[in-house]
Amino acid sequence: MWLVLETGAARGLRRRHGVRFDLPEPERGGARVLPVEAAHTCLPEAALTSLPALARRERAAGLTGPVRTRLASTDPDDEQTLGDLRDELVDRLGGSADRLGALRLCDQVHLSRLVRGEVPAVVAASCVAWYSAYRSPADPHAGALADLRRLLDRWLAEPAARADVDRVITACAVDLVGADPLDLLVVA
């Protein structure tokens, strides 16, 4: 899902605003999706049943990790075990198995990818903004996330200011995830 969301954001910016981005192809053929997919299963409309297949695909692509390994061998129909492993994975990555924790994890993934230079600032901000329908005022980072949304709107409205806005978006991301964030997509 993470790559689909980033790619969709870049395509939408291209279609609506004529901006082109070269999104880097992720290593291992784009198979690194388990952490964000696990977080998404904390949201209302997502199912747990796809997690074992994703874990097996990632293991085949060379990714390891204790939770990924256990998920890969879990029966997709065993929702209790899948739920427990999903909760463990999300918790291990710094989130929690509820909507707020899942959103926090997704934000960390997209903003960390920005800070590490893997996606453009406006694409990361677009991905974070995409989750706005799920957000609540209880989010401790609601102010910073609202700032990112305003910066995204400014980036879209003021083409001449885009370079400056990119720097501010990146600075906001560094404030939220640090200057040297972990690659949460590989530590599962």
C-alpha atoms as a PDB file:
ATOM      1  CA  MET A   1       0.000   0.000   0.000  1.00  0.00           C
ATOM      2  CA  TRP A   2       2.751   2.491   0.823  1.00  0.00           C
ATOM      3  CA  LEU A   3       4.194   2.422  -2.677  1.00  0.00           C
ATOM      4  CA  VAL A   4       0.733   2.573  -4.225  1.00  0.00           C
ATOM      5  CA  LEU A   5      -0.102   5.630  -2.113  1.00  0.00           C
ATOM      6  CA  GLU A   6       3.164   7.410  -2.966  1.00  0.00           C
ATOM      7  CA  THR A   7       2.868   6.557  -6.643  1.00  0.00           C
ATOM      8  CA  GLY A   8      -0.778   7.672  -6.666  1.00  0.00           C
ATOM      9  CA  ALA A   9       0.160  10.973  -5.029  1.00  0.00           C
ATOM     10  CA  ALA A  10       2.856  11.601  -7.640  1.00  0.00           C
ATOM     11  CA  ARG A  11       0.478  10.714 -10.486  1.00  0.00           C
ATOM     12  CA  GLY A  12      -2.219  12.986  -9.070  1.00  0.00           C
ATOM     13  CA  LEU A  13       0.234  15.884  -8.821  1.00  0.00           C
ATOM     14  CA  ARG A  14       1.330  15.225 -12.385  1.00  0.00           C
ATOM     15  CA  ARG A  15      -2.234  15.095 -13.715  1.00  0.00           C
ATOM     16  CA  ARG A  16      -3.643  18.064 -11.819  1.00  0.00           C
ATOM     17  CA  HIS A  17      -0.595  20.313 -11.583  1.00  0.00           C
ATOM     18  CA  GLY A  18       1.767  19.214 -14.357  1.00  0.00           C
ATOM     19  CA  VAL A  19       4.558  18.316 -11.924  1.00  0.00           C
ATOM     20  CA  ARG A  20       6.758  15.311 -12.709  1.00  0.00           C
ATOM     21  CA  PHE A  21       8.572  13.175 -10.161  1.00  0.00           C
ATOM     22  CA  ASP A  22      10.989  10.335 -10.567  1.00  0.00           C
ATOM     23  CA  LEU A  23      10.021   8.074  -7.707  1.00  0.00           C
ATOM     24  CA  PRO A  24      12.838   5.655  -6.992  1.00  0.00           C
ATOM     25  CA  GLU A  25      12.079   2.001  -7.485  1.00  0.00           C
ATOM     26  CA  PRO A  26      12.259   0.366  -4.084  1.00  0.00           C
ATOM     27  CA  GLU A  27      14.771  -2.381  -3.506  1.00  0.00           C
ATOM     28  CA  ARG A  28      13.564  -5.950  -3.698  1.00  0.00           C
ATOM     29  CA  GLY A  29      10.929  -5.262  -6.315  1.00  0.00           C
ATOM     30  CA  GLY A  30       8.523  -3.238  -4.202  1.00  0.00           C
ATOM     31  CA  ALA A  31       7.719  -6.128  -1.869  1.00  0.00           C
ATOM     32  CA  ARG A  32       8.365  -4.168   1.315  1.00  0.00           C
ATOM     33  CA  VAL A  33       4.817  -3.383   2.385  1.00  0.00           C
ATOM     34  CA  LEU A  34       4.152  -5.464   5.511  1.00  0.00           C
ATOM     35  CA  PRO A  35       4.550  -2.774   8.206  1.00  0.00           C
ATOM     36  CA  VAL A  36       2.170  -0.302   6.575  1.00  0.00           C
ATOM     37  CA  GLU A  37      -0.300  -3.017   5.568  1.00  0.00           C
ATOM     38  CA  ALA A  38      -0.269  -4.236   9.177  1.00  0.00           C
ATOM     39  CA  ALA A  39      -1.007  -0.694  10.362  1.00  0.00           C
ATOM     40  CA  HIS A  40      -3.796  -0.387   7.799  1.00  0.00           C
ATOM     41  CA  THR A  41      -5.487  -3.457   9.263  1.00  0.00           C
ATOM     42  CA  CYS A  42      -6.108  -1.370  12.391  1.00  0.00           C
ATOM     43  CA  LEU A  43      -8.341   0.876  10.278  1.00  0.00           C
ATOM     44  CA  PRO A  44     -11.998  -0.119   9.863  1.00  0.00           C
ATOM     45  CA  GLU A  45     -12.142  -1.471   6.314  1.00  0.00           C
ATOM     46  CA  ALA A  46      -8.960  -3.562   6.141  1.00  0.00           C
ATOM     47  CA  ALA A  47      -8.690  -7.320   6.668  1.00  0.00           C
ATOM     48  CA  LEU A  48      -5.861  -9.300   8.235  1.00  0.00           C
ATOM     49  CA  THR A  49      -5.936 -12.152   5.714  1.00  0.00           C
ATOM     50  CA  SER A  50      -3.370 -10.640   3.313  1.00  0.00           C
ATOM     51  CA  LEU A  51      -0.599 -10.360   5.916  1.00  0.00           C
ATOM     52  CA  PRO A  52       0.788 -13.938   5.649  1.00  0.00           C
ATOM     53  CA  ALA A  53       1.164 -13.705   1.861  1.00  0.00           C
ATOM     54  CA  LEU A  54       2.894 -10.318   2.170  1.00  0.00           C
ATOM     55  CA  ALA A  55       5.229 -11.698   4.825  1.00  0.00           C
ATOM     56  CA  ARG A  56       6.093 -14.697   2.614  1.00  0.00           C
ATOM     57  CA  ARG A  57       6.739 -12.411  -0.366  1.00  0.00           C
ATOM     58  CA  GLU A  58       9.025 -10.190   1.706  1.00  0.00           C
ATOM     59  CA  ARG A  59      10.919 -13.171   3.084  1.00  0.00           C
ATOM     60  CA  ALA A  60      11.400 -14.442  -0.475  1.00  0.00           C
ATOM     61  CA  ALA A  61      12.750 -10.978  -1.342  1.00  0.00           C
ATOM     62  CA  GLY A  62      15.367 -11.334   1.421  1.00  0.00           C
ATOM     63  CA  LEU A  63      13.787  -9.477   4.328  1.00  0.00           C
ATOM     64  CA  THR A  64      13.909 -11.145   7.719  1.00  0.00           C
ATOM     65  CA  GLY A  65      12.618 -10.460  11.191  1.00  0.00           C
ATOM     66  CA  PRO A  66      10.935 -12.448  13.936  1.00  0.00           C
ATOM     67  CA  VAL A  67       7.394 -11.164  13.418  1.00  0.00           C
ATOM     68  CA  ARG A  68       7.646 -11.322   9.623  1.00  0.00           C
ATOM     69  CA  THR A  69       8.833 -14.948   9.920  1.00  0.00           C
ATOM     70  CA  ARG A  70       5.962 -15.950  12.219  1.00  0.00           C
ATOM     71  CA  LEU A  71       3.415 -14.127  10.049  1.00  0.00           C
ATOM     72  CA  ALA A  72       4.695 -15.927   6.955  1.00  0.00           C
ATOM     73  CA  SER A  73       3.853 -19.294   8.482  1.00  0.00           C
ATOM     74  CA  THR A  74       0.454 -18.321   9.890  1.00  0.00           C
ATOM     75  CA  ASP A  75      -2.782 -19.623   8.391  1.00  0.00           C
ATOM     76  CA  PRO A  76      -4.692 -16.691   6.799  1.00  0.00           C
ATOM     77  CA  ASP A  77      -7.900 -17.994   8.405  1.00  0.00           C
ATOM     78  CA  ASP A  78      -6.459 -17.804  11.943  1.00  0.00           C
ATOM     79  CA  GLU A  79      -7.629 -14.274  12.687  1.00  0.00           C
ATOM     80  CA  GLN A  80      -6.769 -14.471  16.397  1.00  0.00           C
ATOM     81  CA  THR A  81      -3.110 -15.299  15.726  1.00  0.00           C
ATOM     82  CA  LEU A  82      -2.943 -12.808  12.858  1.00  0.00           C
ATOM     83  CA  GLY A  83      -4.388 -10.092  15.106  1.00  0.00           C
ATOM     84  CA  ASP A  84      -1.885 -10.872  17.853  1.00  0.00           C
ATOM     85  CA  LEU A  85       1.040 -10.841  15.416  1.00  0.00           C
ATOM     86  CA  ARG A  86      -0.200  -7.634  13.782  1.00  0.00           C
ATOM     87  CA  ASP A  87      -0.427  -5.992  17.209  1.00  0.00           C
ATOM     88  CA  GLU A  88       3.094  -7.166  18.049  1.00  0.00           C
ATOM     89  CA  LEU A  89       4.458  -5.861  14.732  1.00  0.00           C
ATOM     90  CA  VAL A  90       2.790  -2.463  15.001  1.00  0.00           C
ATOM     91  CA  ASP A  91       3.911  -2.154  18.639  1.00  0.00           C
ATOM     92  CA  ARG A  92       7.468  -3.200  17.740  1.00  0.00           C
ATOM     93  CA  LEU A  93       7.610  -0.419  15.134  1.00  0.00           C
ATOM     94  CA  GLY A  94       6.497   2.266  17.582  1.00  0.00           C
ATOM     95  CA  GLY A  95       2.764   2.376  16.948  1.00  0.00           C
ATOM     96  CA  SER A  96      -0.146   0.793  18.732  1.00  0.00           C
ATOM     97  CA  ALA A  97      -2.897  -1.481  17.471  1.00  0.00           C
ATOM     98  CA  ASP A  98      -5.541   1.208  17.329  1.00  0.00           C
ATOM     99  CA  ARG A  99      -6.388   3.895  14.809  1.00  0.00           C
ATOM    100  CA  LEU A 100      -4.144   6.536  16.371  1.00  0.00           C
ATOM    101  CA  GLY A 101      -1.161   4.186  16.605  1.00  0.00           C
ATOM    102  CA  ALA A 102      -1.679   2.906  13.080  1.00  0.00           C
ATOM    103  CA  LEU A 103      -1.790   6.433  11.682  1.00  0.00           C
ATOM    104  CA  ARG A 104       1.313   7.357  13.646  1.00  0.00           C
ATOM    105  CA  LEU A 105       3.169   4.406  12.136  1.00  0.00           C
ATOM    106  CA  CYS A 106       2.045   5.286   8.590  1.00  0.00           C
ATOM    107  CA  ASP A 107       3.095   8.906   9.126  1.00  0.00           C
ATOM    108  CA  GLN A 108       6.492   7.764  10.382  1.00  0.00           C
ATOM    109  CA  VAL A 109       7.024   5.559   7.337  1.00  0.00           C
ATOM    110  CA  HIS A 110       6.188   8.278   4.795  1.00  0.00           C
ATOM    111  CA  LEU A 111       7.997  11.087   6.625  1.00  0.00           C
ATOM    112  CA  SER A 112      11.053   8.898   7.250  1.00  0.00           C
ATOM    113  CA  ARG A 113      11.207   8.106   3.554  1.00  0.00           C
ATOM    114  CA  LEU A 114      11.196  11.873   2.888  1.00  0.00           C
ATOM    115  CA  VAL A 115      13.975  12.555   5.405  1.00  0.00           C
ATOM    116  CA  ARG A 116      16.071   9.733   3.921  1.00  0.00           C
ATOM    117  CA  GLY A 117      15.583  11.298   0.452  1.00  0.00           C
ATOM    118  CA  GLU A 118      13.529   8.423  -0.985  1.00  0.00           C
ATOM    119  CA  VAL A 119      10.483  10.507  -1.992  1.00  0.00           C
ATOM    120  CA  PRO A 120       9.888  14.208  -2.753  1.00  0.00           C
ATOM    121  CA  ALA A 121       8.599  16.399   0.079  1.00  0.00           C
ATOM    122  CA  VAL A 122       5.252  17.090  -1.554  1.00  0.00           C
ATOM    123  CA  VAL A 123       4.636  13.377  -2.153  1.00  0.00           C
ATOM    124  CA  ALA A 124       5.281  12.541   1.511  1.00  0.00           C
ATOM    125  CA  ALA A 125       3.047  15.443   2.600  1.00  0.00           C
ATOM    126  CA  SER A 126       0.333  14.223   0.212  1.00  0.00           C
ATOM    127  CA  CYS A 127       0.504  10.728   1.715  1.00  0.00           C
ATOM    128  CA  VAL A 128       0.240  12.067   5.264  1.00  0.00           C
ATOM    129  CA  ALA A 129      -2.688  14.263   4.192  1.00  0.00           C
ATOM    130  CA  TRP A 130      -4.416  11.235   2.618  1.00  0.00           C
ATOM    131  CA  TYR A 131      -4.976   9.813   6.102  1.00  0.00           C
ATOM    132  CA  SER A 132      -6.807  12.955   7.279  1.00  0.00           C
ATOM    133  CA  ALA A 133     -10.217  11.253   7.145  1.00  0.00           C
ATOM    134  CA  TYR A 134      -9.053   8.908   9.921  1.00  0.00           C
ATOM    135  CA  ARG A 135      -7.510  11.561  12.177  1.00  0.00           C
ATOM    136  CA  SER A 136      -8.911  12.924  15.402  1.00  0.00           C
ATOM    137  CA  PRO A 137      -7.979  15.829  17.689  1.00  0.00           C
ATOM    138  CA  ALA A 138      -6.585  13.255  20.146  1.00  0.00           C
ATOM    139  CA  ASP A 139      -3.519  12.815  17.939  1.00  0.00           C
ATOM    140  CA  PRO A 140      -0.590  14.387  19.818  1.00  0.00           C
ATOM    141  CA  HIS A 141       0.891  15.474  16.487  1.00  0.00           C
ATOM    142  CA  ALA A 142      -2.330  16.996  15.144  1.00  0.00           C
ATOM    143  CA  GLY A 143      -0.800  20.494  15.037  1.00  0.00           C
ATOM    144  CA  ALA A 144       2.279  19.423  13.081  1.00  0.00           C
ATOM    145  CA  LEU A 145       0.161  17.348  10.711  1.00  0.00           C
ATOM    146  CA  ALA A 146      -2.169  20.314  10.138  1.00  0.00           C
ATOM    147  CA  ASP A 147       0.934  22.399   9.367  1.00  0.00           C
ATOM    148  CA  LEU A 148       1.971  19.813   6.772  1.00  0.00           C
ATOM    149  CA  ARG A 149      -1.497  20.000   5.214  1.00  0.00           C
ATOM    150  CA  ARG A 150      -1.273  23.815   5.002  1.00  0.00           C
ATOM    151  CA  LEU A 151       2.199  23.552   3.466  1.00  0.00           C
ATOM    152  CA  LEU A 152       0.885  21.081   0.895  1.00  0.00           C
ATOM    153  CA  ASP A 153      -1.917  23.492   0.013  1.00  0.00           C
ATOM    154  CA  ARG A 154       0.609  26.337  -0.296  1.00  0.00           C
ATOM    155  CA  TRP A 155       2.884  24.186  -2.478  1.00  0.00           C
ATOM    156  CA  LEU A 156      -0.025  23.560  -4.821  1.00  0.00           C
ATOM    157  CA  ALA A 157      -1.201  27.188  -4.871  1.00  0.00           C
ATOM    158  CA  GLU A 158       2.185  28.920  -5.212  1.00  0.00           C
ATOM    159  CA  PRO A 159       4.432  27.275  -7.804  1.00  0.00           C
ATOM    160  CA  ALA A 160       7.112  29.952  -7.352  1.00  0.00           C
ATOM    161  CA  ALA A 161       7.442  29.062  -3.646  1.00  0.00           C
ATOM    162  CA  ARG A 162       7.775  25.304  -4.107  1.00  0.00           C
ATOM    163  CA  ALA A 163      11.485  25.050  -3.321  1.00  0.00           C
ATOM    164  CA  ASP A 164      11.030  26.975  -0.063  1.00  0.00           C
ATOM    165  CA  VAL A 165       7.937  24.983   0.861  1.00  0.00           C
ATOM    166  CA  ASP A 166       9.815  21.719   0.175  1.00  0.00           C
ATOM    167  CA  ARG A 167      12.473  22.794   2.682  1.00  0.00           C
ATOM    168  CA  VAL A 168       9.853  23.640   5.303  1.00  0.00           C
ATOM    169  CA  ILE A 169       8.016  20.343   4.757  1.00  0.00           C
ATOM    170  CA  THR A 170      11.314  18.499   5.169  1.00  0.00           C
ATOM    171  CA  ALA A 171      12.083  20.452   8.353  1.00  0.00           C
ATOM    172  CA  CYS A 172       8.642  19.515   9.737  1.00  0.00           C
ATOM    173  CA  ALA A 173       9.335  15.876   8.880  1.00  0.00           C
ATOM    174  CA  VAL A 174      12.696  16.016  10.674  1.00  0.00           C
ATOM    175  CA  ASP A 175      10.933  17.488  13.727  1.00  0.00           C
ATOM    176  CA  LEU A 176       8.493  14.557  13.717  1.00  0.00           C
ATOM    177  CA  VAL A 177      10.806  11.604  12.904  1.00  0.00           C
ATOM    178  CA  GLY A 178      14.338  12.869  13.557  1.00  0.00           C
ATOM    179  CA  ALA A 179      17.254  13.517  11.240  1.00  0.00           C
ATOM    180  CA  ASP A 180      18.283   9.853  10.906  1.00  0.00           C
ATOM    181  CA  PRO A 181      15.105   7.759  11.047  1.00  0.00           C
ATOM    182  CA  LEU A 182      15.069   3.989  10.808  1.00  0.00           C
ATOM    183  CA  ASP A 183      13.746   2.330   7.703  1.00  0.00           C
ATOM    184  CA  LEU A 184      10.657   0.869   9.356  1.00  0.00           C
ATOM    185  CA  LEU A 185       9.842  -1.152   6.254  1.00  0.00           C
ATOM    186  CA  VAL A 186      12.718  -3.557   6.837  1.00  0.00           C
ATOM    187  CA  VAL A 187      12.826  -4.008  10.632  1.00  0.00           C
ATOM    188  CA  ALA A 188       9.685  -6.123  11.014  1.00  0.00           C
END
